Amino acid sequence: MEYEPRRCCGSPDNNARRKGGTAALMATILLVGSDEALLEGLAQSLTALGHRALMPHDVSEAVEIATANPPLLAVLGQSALRSDPRALRIPVLPGGALVLYRTPGELATMVAGTHRNVIAELVLPLERHRLVALVHHLEERVRVTGRQLHRDSPTELPRM
């Protein structure tokens, strides 16, 4: 079944890397949630740093995308988690992780400490710099442990 992500952001430099350039490919990050403005801002920030940000419409589409091409990191809003508990089962690359986020007015969930793939629970946009640091940490962890061989496969995701 063909799927079309809501948005796929990628910088020209990242596109060149994907097509065989000399620089290393940066992380693919899945952004799932209901606050489109927040997610668009995160996607732009991550893309400016050379990462590839995917924004599916809902959790079921996120699971489908991640099954075909697992991201290094999935950033999940609490609203997405409440609407579909399968969000915690989104597949990520070996060494990858899930990050839960909430907005400043929301109460924290108890899920972050109970699920092994959840590396952090952030308050976004306030902690966006911490998110970027986590992305860099995961990239380094994947590189050091030798798991980069499983990174983004040569198959391309459909573009909008």
N, C-alpha and C. Protein backbone atom coordinates (compact mmCIF):
# COMPACT_ATOMS: atom_id res chain seq x y z
N MET A 1 0.83 -1.18 0.00
CA MET A 1 0.00 0.00 0.00
C MET A 1 0.87 1.24 0.00
N GLU A 2 0.59 2.15 -0.88
CA GLU A 2 1.36 3.39 -0.99
C GLU A 2 0.88 4.38 0.06
N TYR A 3 1.81 5.06 0.70
CA TYR A 3 1.44 6.05 1.70
C TYR A 3 2.07 7.37 1.32
N GLU A 4 1.45 8.43 1.77
CA GLU A 4 1.98 9.76 1.51
C GLU A 4 2.07 10.51 2.82
N PRO A 5 3.29 10.73 3.33
CA PRO A 5 3.42 11.49 4.55
C PRO A 5 2.93 12.92 4.33
N ARG A 6 2.47 13.53 5.38
CA ARG A 6 1.98 14.91 5.30
C ARG A 6 3.09 15.80 4.77
N ARG A 7 4.26 15.67 5.32
CA ARG A 7 5.39 16.46 4.88
C ARG A 7 6.65 15.61 5.02
N CYS A 8 7.58 15.87 4.16
CA CYS A 8 8.90 15.28 4.27
C CYS A 8 9.88 16.40 4.03
N CYS A 9 10.55 16.81 5.06
CA CYS A 9 11.49 17.91 4.94
C CYS A 9 12.89 17.33 4.78
N GLY A 10 13.65 17.88 3.87
CA GLY A 10 15.03 17.45 3.69
C GLY A 10 15.82 18.57 3.04
N SER A 11 16.96 18.88 3.57
CA SER A 11 17.76 19.95 3.01
C SER A 11 18.43 19.47 1.72
N PRO A 12 18.80 20.39 0.82
CA PRO A 12 19.51 19.98 -0.40
C PRO A 12 20.79 19.22 -0.08
N ASP A 13 21.49 19.62 0.99
CA ASP A 13 22.71 18.91 1.38
C ASP A 13 22.39 17.47 1.76
N ASN A 14 21.31 17.27 2.49
CA ASN A 14 20.91 15.94 2.90
C ASN A 14 20.51 15.10 1.69
N ASN A 15 19.83 15.73 0.73
CA ASN A 15 19.47 15.01 -0.50
C ASN A 15 20.72 14.56 -1.25
N ALA A 16 21.74 15.41 -1.28
CA ALA A 16 23.00 15.04 -1.94
C ALA A 16 23.67 13.88 -1.20
N ARG A 17 23.64 13.90 0.13
CA ARG A 17 24.23 12.80 0.90
C ARG A 17 23.52 11.49 0.60
N ARG A 18 22.19 11.56 0.48
CA ARG A 18 21.40 10.36 0.24
C ARG A 18 21.71 9.78 -1.14
N LYS A 19 22.11 10.63 -2.08
CA LYS A 19 22.39 10.16 -3.43
C LYS A 19 23.85 9.78 -3.63
N GLY A 20 24.58 9.59 -2.53
CA GLY A 20 25.94 9.08 -2.67
C GLY A 20 27.02 10.10 -2.43
N GLY A 21 26.70 11.23 -1.83
CA GLY A 21 27.71 12.24 -1.52
C GLY A 21 28.70 11.70 -0.50
N THR A 22 29.72 12.50 -0.20
CA THR A 22 30.76 12.03 0.70
C THR A 22 30.42 12.21 2.16
N ALA A 23 29.54 13.14 2.49
CA ALA A 23 29.20 13.37 3.90
C ALA A 23 28.28 12.26 4.41
N ALA A 24 28.32 12.05 5.70
CA ALA A 24 27.47 11.01 6.31
C ALA A 24 26.02 11.48 6.34
N LEU A 25 25.12 10.55 6.15
CA LEU A 25 23.70 10.84 6.19
C LEU A 25 23.27 11.12 7.62
N MET A 26 22.52 12.18 7.80
CA MET A 26 22.03 12.54 9.13
C MET A 26 20.80 11.71 9.46
N ALA A 27 20.27 11.89 10.64
CA ALA A 27 19.17 11.08 11.15
C ALA A 27 17.84 11.37 10.47
N THR A 28 17.02 10.33 10.36
CA THR A 28 15.62 10.47 9.96
C THR A 28 14.81 10.49 11.25
N ILE A 29 13.95 11.50 11.37
CA ILE A 29 13.18 11.70 12.59
C ILE A 29 11.70 11.78 12.24
N LEU A 30 10.90 11.00 12.93
CA LEU A 30 9.46 10.96 12.73
C LEU A 30 8.81 11.86 13.78
N LEU A 31 7.99 12.81 13.35
CA LEU A 31 7.31 13.75 14.25
C LEU A 31 5.82 13.47 14.20
N VAL A 32 5.24 13.04 15.31
CA VAL A 32 3.83 12.66 15.36
C VAL A 32 3.14 13.43 16.48
N GLY A 33 2.07 14.12 16.14
CA GLY A 33 1.31 14.85 17.14
C GLY A 33 0.22 15.68 16.50
N SER A 34 -0.52 16.39 17.33
CA SER A 34 -1.65 17.16 16.82
C SER A 34 -1.35 18.64 16.65
N ASP A 35 -0.26 19.14 17.21
CA ASP A 35 0.08 20.55 17.10
C ASP A 35 0.94 20.78 15.85
N GLU A 36 0.25 21.07 14.74
CA GLU A 36 0.96 21.19 13.46
C GLU A 36 1.99 22.31 13.44
N ALA A 37 1.68 23.43 14.07
CA ALA A 37 2.63 24.55 14.08
C ALA A 37 3.91 24.16 14.82
N LEU A 38 3.76 23.50 15.96
CA LEU A 38 4.93 23.05 16.72
C LEU A 38 5.75 22.05 15.92
N LEU A 39 5.08 21.08 15.32
CA LEU A 39 5.79 20.05 14.55
C LEU A 39 6.47 20.65 13.32
N GLU A 40 5.81 21.60 12.67
CA GLU A 40 6.42 22.25 11.50
C GLU A 40 7.68 23.03 11.92
N GLY A 41 7.61 23.71 13.05
CA GLY A 41 8.79 24.42 13.55
C GLY A 41 9.93 23.47 13.88
N LEU A 42 9.59 22.34 14.51
CA LEU A 42 10.62 21.33 14.81
C LEU A 42 11.22 20.77 13.52
N ALA A 43 10.35 20.48 12.55
CA ALA A 43 10.83 19.94 11.26
C ALA A 43 11.79 20.92 10.58
N GLN A 44 11.44 22.20 10.61
CA GLN A 44 12.33 23.20 9.99
C GLN A 44 13.66 23.29 10.72
N SER A 45 13.61 23.27 12.06
CA SER A 45 14.85 23.33 12.84
C SER A 45 15.74 22.11 12.59
N LEU A 46 15.13 20.93 12.59
CA LEU A 46 15.90 19.70 12.37
C LEU A 46 16.44 19.63 10.95
N THR A 47 15.64 20.08 9.98
CA THR A 47 16.08 20.08 8.59
C THR A 47 17.25 21.05 8.40
N ALA A 48 17.20 22.19 9.07
CA ALA A 48 18.29 23.15 8.98
C ALA A 48 19.60 22.56 9.49
N LEU A 49 19.50 21.59 10.40
CA LEU A 49 20.68 20.91 10.92
C LEU A 49 21.11 19.72 10.06
N GLY A 50 20.36 19.47 8.97
CA GLY A 50 20.72 18.39 8.05
C GLY A 50 19.98 17.09 8.27
N HIS A 51 19.04 17.05 9.19
CA HIS A 51 18.28 15.83 9.45
C HIS A 51 17.08 15.77 8.51
N ARG A 52 16.49 14.61 8.43
CA ARG A 52 15.30 14.41 7.60
C ARG A 52 14.11 14.24 8.54
N ALA A 53 13.13 15.12 8.42
CA ALA A 53 11.96 15.09 9.30
C ALA A 53 10.74 14.64 8.51
N LEU A 54 10.03 13.64 9.04
CA LEU A 54 8.81 13.15 8.43
C LEU A 54 7.65 13.44 9.37
N MET A 55 6.53 13.92 8.82
CA MET A 55 5.36 14.27 9.62
C MET A 55 4.14 13.52 9.10
N PRO A 56 3.89 12.31 9.60
CA PRO A 56 2.70 11.58 9.17
C PRO A 56 1.43 12.20 9.75
N HIS A 57 0.28 11.85 9.16
CA HIS A 57 -1.00 12.40 9.61
C HIS A 57 -1.43 11.85 10.96
N ASP A 58 -1.16 10.57 11.22
CA ASP A 58 -1.62 9.94 12.45
C ASP A 58 -0.69 8.78 12.82
N VAL A 59 -1.00 8.13 13.93
CA VAL A 59 -0.15 7.05 14.43
C VAL A 59 -0.11 5.87 13.47
N SER A 60 -1.26 5.51 12.89
CA SER A 60 -1.25 4.35 11.99
C SER A 60 -0.36 4.60 10.78
N GLU A 61 -0.37 5.81 10.26
CA GLU A 61 0.52 6.14 9.14
C GLU A 61 1.98 6.16 9.60
N ALA A 62 2.22 6.62 10.82
CA ALA A 62 3.58 6.63 11.36
C ALA A 62 4.12 5.21 11.50
N VAL A 63 3.27 4.29 11.97
CA VAL A 63 3.69 2.89 12.09
C VAL A 63 4.01 2.32 10.72
N GLU A 64 3.18 2.65 9.74
CA GLU A 64 3.39 2.15 8.38
C GLU A 64 4.71 2.68 7.79
N ILE A 65 4.95 3.97 7.95
CA ILE A 65 6.19 4.58 7.45
C ILE A 65 7.41 3.98 8.15
N ALA A 66 7.33 3.88 9.48
CA ALA A 66 8.47 3.38 10.25
C ALA A 66 8.73 1.91 10.00
N THR A 67 7.70 1.15 9.66
CA THR A 67 7.89 -0.26 9.34
C THR A 67 8.67 -0.39 8.03
N ALA A 68 8.36 0.47 7.06
CA ALA A 68 9.04 0.43 5.77
C ALA A 68 10.46 0.99 5.84
N ASN A 69 10.66 2.05 6.64
CA ASN A 69 11.95 2.72 6.72
C ASN A 69 12.11 3.27 8.14
N PRO A 70 12.60 2.48 9.09
CA PRO A 70 12.66 2.91 10.49
C PRO A 70 13.49 4.17 10.71
N PRO A 71 12.95 5.10 11.48
CA PRO A 71 13.71 6.31 11.80
C PRO A 71 14.67 6.05 12.97
N LEU A 72 15.60 6.97 13.17
CA LEU A 72 16.46 6.89 14.34
C LEU A 72 15.67 7.30 15.58
N LEU A 73 14.77 8.27 15.40
CA LEU A 73 14.03 8.82 16.52
C LEU A 73 12.59 9.09 16.11
N ALA A 74 11.65 8.76 16.99
CA ALA A 74 10.25 9.12 16.80
C ALA A 74 9.86 10.04 17.94
N VAL A 75 9.40 11.24 17.60
CA VAL A 75 8.97 12.23 18.59
C VAL A 75 7.45 12.19 18.62
N LEU A 76 6.88 11.80 19.76
CA LEU A 76 5.45 11.55 19.87
C LEU A 76 4.79 12.50 20.85
N GLY A 77 3.71 13.13 20.41
CA GLY A 77 2.93 13.97 21.30
C GLY A 77 2.05 13.14 22.20
N GLN A 78 1.77 13.65 23.39
CA GLN A 78 0.89 12.93 24.31
C GLN A 78 -0.49 12.72 23.70
N SER A 79 -0.93 13.68 22.89
CA SER A 79 -2.24 13.54 22.25
C SER A 79 -2.26 12.34 21.30
N ALA A 80 -1.16 12.13 20.57
CA ALA A 80 -1.07 10.97 19.68
C ALA A 80 -1.06 9.68 20.49
N LEU A 81 -0.39 9.71 21.61
CA LEU A 81 -0.32 8.53 22.47
C LEU A 81 -1.69 8.20 23.07
N ARG A 82 -2.42 9.24 23.46
CA ARG A 82 -3.77 9.02 24.01
C ARG A 82 -4.73 8.50 22.94
N SER A 83 -4.58 8.99 21.71
CA SER A 83 -5.50 8.59 20.64
C SER A 83 -5.23 7.18 20.13
N ASP A 84 -3.98 6.73 20.21
CA ASP A 84 -3.63 5.40 19.71
C ASP A 84 -2.43 4.86 20.47
N PRO A 85 -2.63 3.91 21.38
CA PRO A 85 -1.52 3.38 22.18
C PRO A 85 -0.45 2.66 21.36
N ARG A 86 -0.75 2.35 20.09
CA ARG A 86 0.28 1.72 19.25
C ARG A 86 1.46 2.65 19.01
N ALA A 87 1.33 3.92 19.37
CA ALA A 87 2.42 4.87 19.18
C ALA A 87 3.70 4.41 19.87
N LEU A 88 3.57 3.72 21.00
CA LEU A 88 4.75 3.24 21.70
C LEU A 88 5.41 2.06 20.99
N ARG A 89 4.75 1.52 19.98
CA ARG A 89 5.31 0.39 19.24
C ARG A 89 5.83 0.79 17.87
N ILE A 90 6.03 2.07 17.64
CA ILE A 90 6.60 2.52 16.37
C ILE A 90 8.02 1.98 16.28
N PRO A 91 8.34 1.24 15.22
CA PRO A 91 9.69 0.68 15.11
C PRO A 91 10.73 1.77 14.81
N VAL A 92 11.87 1.66 15.46
CA VAL A 92 13.00 2.57 15.21
C VAL A 92 14.23 1.73 14.88
N LEU A 93 15.25 2.38 14.36
CA LEU A 93 16.50 1.69 14.06
C LEU A 93 17.12 1.11 15.33
N PRO A 94 17.94 0.07 15.19
CA PRO A 94 18.68 -0.41 16.37
C PRO A 94 19.50 0.75 16.95
N GLY A 95 19.35 0.98 18.22
CA GLY A 95 20.02 2.11 18.87
C GLY A 95 19.16 3.36 18.88
N GLY A 96 18.03 3.33 18.19
CA GLY A 96 17.13 4.48 18.16
C GLY A 96 16.24 4.52 19.38
N ALA A 97 15.35 5.52 19.43
CA ALA A 97 14.51 5.67 20.61
C ALA A 97 13.25 6.48 20.29
N LEU A 98 12.38 6.52 21.28
CA LEU A 98 11.17 7.35 21.23
C LEU A 98 11.34 8.50 22.22
N VAL A 99 10.80 9.66 21.86
CA VAL A 99 10.76 10.80 22.76
C VAL A 99 9.30 11.23 22.84
N LEU A 100 8.79 11.36 24.04
CA LEU A 100 7.44 11.86 24.23
C LEU A 100 7.51 13.36 24.49
N TYR A 101 6.52 14.09 23.99
CA TYR A 101 6.51 15.52 24.30
C TYR A 101 5.11 15.94 24.73
N ARG A 102 5.10 17.03 25.47
CA ARG A 102 3.86 17.66 25.87
C ARG A 102 4.05 19.16 25.75
N THR A 103 2.96 19.88 25.72
CA THR A 103 3.04 21.34 25.67
C THR A 103 3.07 21.87 27.10
N PRO A 104 3.44 23.12 27.30
CA PRO A 104 3.58 23.64 28.66
C PRO A 104 2.35 23.49 29.56
N GLY A 105 1.14 23.47 29.02
CA GLY A 105 -0.05 23.37 29.86
C GLY A 105 -0.48 21.95 30.22
N GLU A 106 0.10 20.94 29.58
CA GLU A 106 -0.31 19.55 29.80
C GLU A 106 0.40 18.94 31.00
N LEU A 107 -0.28 17.98 31.64
CA LEU A 107 0.34 17.22 32.73
C LEU A 107 1.20 16.10 32.16
N ALA A 108 2.24 15.74 32.88
CA ALA A 108 3.14 14.67 32.45
C ALA A 108 2.44 13.32 32.56
N THR A 109 2.83 12.38 31.67
CA THR A 109 2.30 11.02 31.74
C THR A 109 3.24 10.15 32.56
N MET A 110 2.79 8.98 32.88
CA MET A 110 3.63 8.03 33.60
C MET A 110 4.31 7.06 32.64
N VAL A 111 4.10 7.22 31.35
CA VAL A 111 4.60 6.27 30.37
C VAL A 111 6.11 6.34 30.21
N ALA A 112 6.68 7.54 30.31
CA ALA A 112 8.10 7.72 30.00
C ALA A 112 8.99 6.76 30.78
N GLY A 113 8.72 6.54 32.03
CA GLY A 113 9.57 5.67 32.83
C GLY A 113 9.23 4.20 32.73
N THR A 114 8.14 3.87 32.05
CA THR A 114 7.71 2.48 32.03
C THR A 114 7.96 1.77 30.70
N HIS A 115 8.36 2.47 29.70
CA HIS A 115 8.59 1.85 28.39
C HIS A 115 10.06 1.97 28.02
N ARG A 116 10.69 0.89 27.66
CA ARG A 116 12.15 0.87 27.48
C ARG A 116 12.64 1.71 26.31
N ASN A 117 11.85 1.92 25.27
CA ASN A 117 12.31 2.72 24.13
C ASN A 117 12.18 4.21 24.34
N VAL A 118 11.46 4.65 25.38
CA VAL A 118 11.27 6.08 25.63
C VAL A 118 12.51 6.62 26.35
N ILE A 119 13.22 7.50 25.66
CA ILE A 119 14.47 8.03 26.21
C ILE A 119 14.24 9.31 27.01
N ALA A 120 13.15 10.05 26.71
CA ALA A 120 12.89 11.30 27.43
C ALA A 120 11.45 11.73 27.22
N GLU A 121 11.00 12.59 28.13
CA GLU A 121 9.72 13.26 27.97
C GLU A 121 10.02 14.75 28.07
N LEU A 122 9.76 15.48 26.99
CA LEU A 122 10.12 16.89 26.89
C LEU A 122 8.90 17.79 26.90
N VAL A 123 9.10 19.02 27.30
CA VAL A 123 8.09 20.06 27.17
C VAL A 123 8.52 20.91 25.98
N LEU A 124 7.78 20.78 24.88
CA LEU A 124 8.14 21.50 23.66
C LEU A 124 7.15 22.64 23.44
N PRO A 125 7.61 23.75 22.93
CA PRO A 125 8.90 24.04 22.33
C PRO A 125 10.00 24.47 23.30
N LEU A 126 9.70 24.53 24.59
CA LEU A 126 10.68 25.04 25.55
C LEU A 126 11.98 24.25 25.57
N GLU A 127 11.90 22.94 25.38
CA GLU A 127 13.10 22.10 25.46
C GLU A 127 13.56 21.62 24.08
N ARG A 128 13.39 22.42 23.05
CA ARG A 128 13.78 22.00 21.70
C ARG A 128 15.29 21.80 21.58
N HIS A 129 16.08 22.56 22.34
CA HIS A 129 17.53 22.38 22.30
C HIS A 129 17.92 21.03 22.92
N ARG A 130 17.18 20.60 23.92
CA ARG A 130 17.42 19.28 24.50
C ARG A 130 17.09 18.19 23.49
N LEU A 131 16.04 18.39 22.69
CA LEU A 131 15.70 17.44 21.64
C LEU A 131 16.85 17.31 20.64
N VAL A 132 17.41 18.42 20.22
CA VAL A 132 18.54 18.40 19.28
C VAL A 132 19.72 17.67 19.90
N ALA A 133 19.98 17.91 21.19
CA ALA A 133 21.07 17.22 21.87
C ALA A 133 20.82 15.72 21.92
N LEU A 134 19.56 15.31 22.14
CA LEU A 134 19.23 13.89 22.15
C LEU A 134 19.45 13.26 20.77
N VAL A 135 19.10 13.97 19.72
CA VAL A 135 19.33 13.47 18.36
C VAL A 135 20.82 13.24 18.14
N HIS A 136 21.64 14.21 18.53
CA HIS A 136 23.09 14.06 18.37
C HIS A 136 23.63 12.91 19.22
N HIS A 137 23.10 12.76 20.42
CA HIS A 137 23.53 11.66 21.29
C HIS A 137 23.20 10.31 20.66
N LEU A 138 21.98 10.18 20.13
CA LEU A 138 21.58 8.92 19.49
C LEU A 138 22.44 8.63 18.26
N GLU A 139 22.71 9.66 17.46
CA GLU A 139 23.58 9.46 16.29
C GLU A 139 24.95 8.96 16.71
N GLU A 140 25.50 9.57 17.74
CA GLU A 140 26.82 9.16 18.22
C GLU A 140 26.77 7.74 18.78
N ARG A 141 25.72 7.42 19.51
CA ARG A 141 25.56 6.07 20.06
C ARG A 141 25.49 5.03 18.95
N VAL A 142 24.77 5.33 17.89
CA VAL A 142 24.66 4.42 16.76
C VAL A 142 26.02 4.27 16.07
N ARG A 143 26.74 5.38 15.92
CA ARG A 143 28.05 5.33 15.27
C ARG A 143 29.04 4.54 16.11
N VAL A 144 29.09 4.78 17.41
CA VAL A 144 30.06 4.12 18.28
C VAL A 144 29.79 2.62 18.38
N THR A 145 28.53 2.24 18.41
CA THR A 145 28.21 0.82 18.55
C THR A 145 28.23 0.08 17.22
N GLY A 146 28.50 0.78 16.13
CA GLY A 146 28.58 0.13 14.83
C GLY A 146 27.25 -0.20 14.21
N ARG A 147 26.20 0.45 14.64
CA ARG A 147 24.87 0.15 14.11
C ARG A 147 24.52 1.00 12.90
N GLN A 148 25.43 1.85 12.45
CA GLN A 148 25.13 2.71 11.30
C GLN A 148 24.97 1.92 10.01
N LEU A 149 25.37 0.67 9.99
CA LEU A 149 25.20 -0.15 8.79
C LEU A 149 23.73 -0.35 8.47
N HIS A 150 22.86 -0.21 9.47
CA HIS A 150 21.42 -0.40 9.28
C HIS A 150 20.70 0.91 9.03
N ARG A 151 21.44 1.99 8.88
CA ARG A 151 20.83 3.32 8.74
C ARG A 151 20.07 3.41 7.43
N ASP A 152 19.43 4.50 7.21
CA ASP A 152 18.52 4.74 6.09
C ASP A 152 18.85 3.93 4.84
N SER A 153 17.94 3.07 4.49
CA SER A 153 18.13 2.21 3.33
C SER A 153 18.07 3.04 2.06
N PRO A 154 18.58 2.52 0.93
CA PRO A 154 18.59 3.29 -0.30
C PRO A 154 17.21 3.55 -0.88
N THR A 155 16.18 2.86 -0.40
CA THR A 155 14.85 3.12 -0.92
C THR A 155 14.35 4.47 -0.42
N GLU A 156 13.78 5.23 -1.30
CA GLU A 156 13.30 6.56 -0.97
C GLU A 156 11.85 6.53 -0.54
N LEU A 157 11.51 7.39 0.39
CA LEU A 157 10.12 7.57 0.75
C LEU A 157 9.46 8.48 -0.28
N PRO A 158 8.16 8.32 -0.55
CA PRO A 158 7.50 9.20 -1.49
C PRO A 158 7.54 10.64 -0.99
N ARG A 159 7.66 11.57 -1.90
CA ARG A 159 7.71 12.99 -1.57
C ARG A 159 6.40 13.65 -1.97
N MET A 160 6.07 14.70 -1.25
CA MET A 160 4.85 15.46 -1.59
C MET A 160 5.22 16.68 -2.38
